[in-house]
Amino acid sequence: MTKSAELRQKDVAGLEAEVKSLQKAHFGLRMQKATQQLGNTSTLRSTRRDIARAKTILAEKQAAK
């Protein structure tokens, strides 16, 4: 789980990369769920929230420019 304090230390390019990697991980988890290979379904919820957290901080930094 990525904490908001860690995300706030990153620059805009770092945040965009973080969002992209989280979305890729979330896609992989969704595919595992679809093929019934995912054991812990709570990881879907946590990655979805991590994506939202990173996008929110990214939007705040872009608005501050």
N, C-alpha and C. Protein backbone atom coordinates (compact mmCIF):
# COMPACT_ATOMS: atom_id res chain seq x y z
N MET A 1 0.84 -1.18 0.00
CA MET A 1 0.00 0.00 0.00
C MET A 1 0.89 1.24 0.00
N THR A 2 0.59 2.16 -0.88
CA THR A 2 1.35 3.40 -0.95
C THR A 2 0.70 4.45 -0.06
N LYS A 3 1.50 5.09 0.75
CA LYS A 3 0.97 6.11 1.64
C LYS A 3 0.97 7.45 0.93
N SER A 4 0.06 8.31 1.32
CA SER A 4 -0.05 9.61 0.66
C SER A 4 1.19 10.46 0.91
N ALA A 5 1.85 10.30 2.05
CA ALA A 5 3.07 11.07 2.32
C ALA A 5 4.18 10.69 1.33
N GLU A 6 4.27 9.41 1.00
CA GLU A 6 5.26 8.97 0.02
C GLU A 6 4.94 9.51 -1.36
N LEU A 7 3.65 9.55 -1.70
CA LEU A 7 3.25 10.04 -3.02
C LEU A 7 3.46 11.54 -3.15
N ARG A 8 3.26 12.27 -2.07
CA ARG A 8 3.42 13.72 -2.11
C ARG A 8 4.87 14.13 -2.32
N GLN A 9 5.82 13.26 -2.02
CA GLN A 9 7.23 13.56 -2.22
C GLN A 9 7.64 13.43 -3.68
N LYS A 10 6.85 12.73 -4.48
CA LYS A 10 7.20 12.51 -5.88
C LYS A 10 6.82 13.72 -6.72
N ASP A 11 7.51 13.86 -7.85
CA ASP A 11 7.15 14.93 -8.78
C ASP A 11 6.04 14.43 -9.71
N VAL A 12 5.61 15.30 -10.61
CA VAL A 12 4.47 14.98 -11.48
C VAL A 12 4.77 13.76 -12.35
N ALA A 13 5.97 13.70 -12.92
CA ALA A 13 6.32 12.56 -13.77
C ALA A 13 6.35 11.26 -12.96
N GLY A 14 6.84 11.34 -11.74
CA GLY A 14 6.86 10.16 -10.87
C GLY A 14 5.47 9.69 -10.52
N LEU A 15 4.58 10.64 -10.29
CA LEU A 15 3.19 10.28 -9.98
C LEU A 15 2.49 9.65 -11.18
N GLU A 16 2.75 10.20 -12.36
CA GLU A 16 2.15 9.61 -13.56
C GLU A 16 2.63 8.19 -13.77
N ALA A 17 3.90 7.95 -13.52
CA ALA A 17 4.45 6.59 -13.64
C ALA A 17 3.83 5.67 -12.60
N GLU A 18 3.62 6.19 -11.39
CA GLU A 18 3.02 5.40 -10.32
C GLU A 18 1.59 5.01 -10.67
N VAL A 19 0.82 5.96 -11.22
CA VAL A 19 -0.57 5.68 -11.62
C VAL A 19 -0.58 4.61 -12.70
N LYS A 20 0.32 4.74 -13.66
CA LYS A 20 0.37 3.77 -14.76
C LYS A 20 0.71 2.37 -14.24
N SER A 21 1.66 2.27 -13.32
CA SER A 21 2.03 0.95 -12.80
C SER A 21 0.91 0.37 -11.94
N LEU A 22 0.22 1.23 -11.18
CA LEU A 22 -0.91 0.74 -10.37
C LEU A 22 -2.05 0.26 -11.26
N GLN A 23 -2.29 0.97 -12.36
CA GLN A 23 -3.36 0.54 -13.27
C GLN A 23 -3.01 -0.79 -13.92
N LYS A 24 -1.73 -0.98 -14.25
CA LYS A 24 -1.30 -2.24 -14.84
C LYS A 24 -1.46 -3.39 -13.84
N ALA A 25 -1.11 -3.11 -12.59
CA ALA A 25 -1.25 -4.13 -11.54
C ALA A 25 -2.73 -4.45 -11.32
N HIS A 26 -3.58 -3.43 -11.35
CA HIS A 26 -5.01 -3.64 -11.14
C HIS A 26 -5.60 -4.47 -12.29
N PHE A 27 -5.13 -4.20 -13.51
CA PHE A 27 -5.60 -4.98 -14.65
C PHE A 27 -5.23 -6.45 -14.48
N GLY A 28 -4.00 -6.70 -14.05
CA GLY A 28 -3.56 -8.08 -13.82
C GLY A 28 -4.40 -8.77 -12.75
N LEU A 29 -4.72 -8.04 -11.70
CA LEU A 29 -5.57 -8.62 -10.65
C LEU A 29 -6.97 -8.92 -11.16
N ARG A 30 -7.49 -8.04 -12.00
CA ARG A 30 -8.83 -8.29 -12.57
C ARG A 30 -8.83 -9.52 -13.45
N MET A 31 -7.76 -9.73 -14.21
CA MET A 31 -7.66 -10.90 -15.06
C MET A 31 -7.55 -12.17 -14.20
N GLN A 32 -6.81 -12.09 -13.10
CA GLN A 32 -6.72 -13.23 -12.20
C GLN A 32 -8.07 -13.56 -11.59
N LYS A 33 -8.83 -12.52 -11.27
CA LYS A 33 -10.16 -12.75 -10.70
C LYS A 33 -11.08 -13.40 -11.73
N ALA A 34 -10.98 -12.94 -12.98
CA ALA A 34 -11.83 -13.47 -14.03
C ALA A 34 -11.54 -14.94 -14.29
N THR A 35 -10.29 -15.33 -14.15
CA THR A 35 -9.93 -16.73 -14.38
C THR A 35 -9.92 -17.54 -13.09
N GLN A 36 -10.42 -16.94 -12.03
CA GLN A 36 -10.55 -17.56 -10.71
C GLN A 36 -9.21 -18.02 -10.15
N GLN A 37 -8.17 -17.22 -10.40
CA GLN A 37 -6.86 -17.52 -9.85
C GLN A 37 -6.50 -16.60 -8.70
N LEU A 38 -7.35 -15.60 -8.43
CA LEU A 38 -7.06 -14.63 -7.39
C LEU A 38 -7.58 -15.14 -6.06
N GLY A 39 -6.69 -15.30 -5.12
CA GLY A 39 -7.08 -15.81 -3.81
C GLY A 39 -7.62 -14.73 -2.89
N ASN A 40 -6.95 -13.59 -2.87
CA ASN A 40 -7.32 -12.51 -1.96
C ASN A 40 -7.95 -11.38 -2.75
N THR A 41 -9.27 -11.31 -2.76
CA THR A 41 -9.96 -10.31 -3.58
C THR A 41 -9.89 -8.92 -2.98
N SER A 42 -9.46 -8.78 -1.74
CA SER A 42 -9.37 -7.45 -1.15
C SER A 42 -8.25 -6.63 -1.77
N THR A 43 -7.32 -7.28 -2.48
CA THR A 43 -6.26 -6.53 -3.14
C THR A 43 -6.82 -5.67 -4.27
N LEU A 44 -7.92 -6.09 -4.87
CA LEU A 44 -8.56 -5.27 -5.90
C LEU A 44 -9.00 -3.94 -5.32
N ARG A 45 -9.62 -3.97 -4.18
CA ARG A 45 -10.11 -2.76 -3.53
C ARG A 45 -8.94 -1.84 -3.14
N SER A 46 -7.89 -2.43 -2.58
CA SER A 46 -6.77 -1.60 -2.14
C SER A 46 -6.03 -0.98 -3.32
N THR A 47 -5.86 -1.70 -4.42
CA THR A 47 -5.20 -1.10 -5.58
C THR A 47 -6.06 -0.02 -6.21
N ARG A 48 -7.37 -0.24 -6.22
CA ARG A 48 -8.27 0.78 -6.76
C ARG A 48 -8.18 2.07 -5.93
N ARG A 49 -8.08 1.91 -4.63
CA ARG A 49 -7.97 3.09 -3.76
C ARG A 49 -6.60 3.75 -3.88
N ASP A 50 -5.56 2.94 -4.09
CA ASP A 50 -4.23 3.50 -4.30
C ASP A 50 -4.18 4.33 -5.58
N ILE A 51 -4.86 3.83 -6.62
CA ILE A 51 -4.93 4.58 -7.88
C ILE A 51 -5.63 5.91 -7.66
N ALA A 52 -6.74 5.89 -6.95
CA ALA A 52 -7.48 7.12 -6.68
C ALA A 52 -6.65 8.08 -5.85
N ARG A 53 -5.92 7.57 -4.87
CA ARG A 53 -5.07 8.41 -4.03
C ARG A 53 -3.98 9.08 -4.87
N ALA A 54 -3.35 8.31 -5.74
CA ALA A 54 -2.28 8.86 -6.58
C ALA A 54 -2.83 9.88 -7.58
N LYS A 55 -3.99 9.60 -8.15
CA LYS A 55 -4.59 10.53 -9.10
C LYS A 55 -5.00 11.84 -8.42
N THR A 56 -5.48 11.75 -7.20
CA THR A 56 -5.87 12.95 -6.46
C THR A 56 -4.66 13.83 -6.19
N ILE A 57 -3.57 13.24 -5.74
CA ILE A 57 -2.36 14.01 -5.45
C ILE A 57 -1.78 14.58 -6.75
N LEU A 58 -1.86 13.81 -7.83
CA LEU A 58 -1.39 14.29 -9.13
C LEU A 58 -2.20 15.51 -9.58
N ALA A 59 -3.51 15.45 -9.42
CA ALA A 59 -4.36 16.57 -9.80
C ALA A 59 -4.06 17.81 -8.94
N GLU A 60 -3.79 17.60 -7.65
CA GLU A 60 -3.44 18.71 -6.78
C GLU A 60 -2.14 19.37 -7.21
N LYS A 61 -1.15 18.56 -7.59
CA LYS A 61 0.13 19.11 -8.01
C LYS A 61 0.01 19.83 -9.35
N GLN A 62 -0.80 19.29 -10.26
CA GLN A 62 -0.97 19.94 -11.54
C GLN A 62 -1.75 21.25 -11.41
N ALA A 63 -2.68 21.31 -10.48
CA ALA A 63 -3.44 22.54 -10.27
C ALA A 63 -2.58 23.60 -9.59
N ALA A 64 -1.58 23.19 -8.83
CA ALA A 64 -0.72 24.13 -8.13
C ALA A 64 0.27 24.83 -9.05
N LYS A 65 0.47 24.29 -10.24
CA LYS A 65 1.44 24.88 -11.19
C LYS A 65 1.01 26.26 -11.63
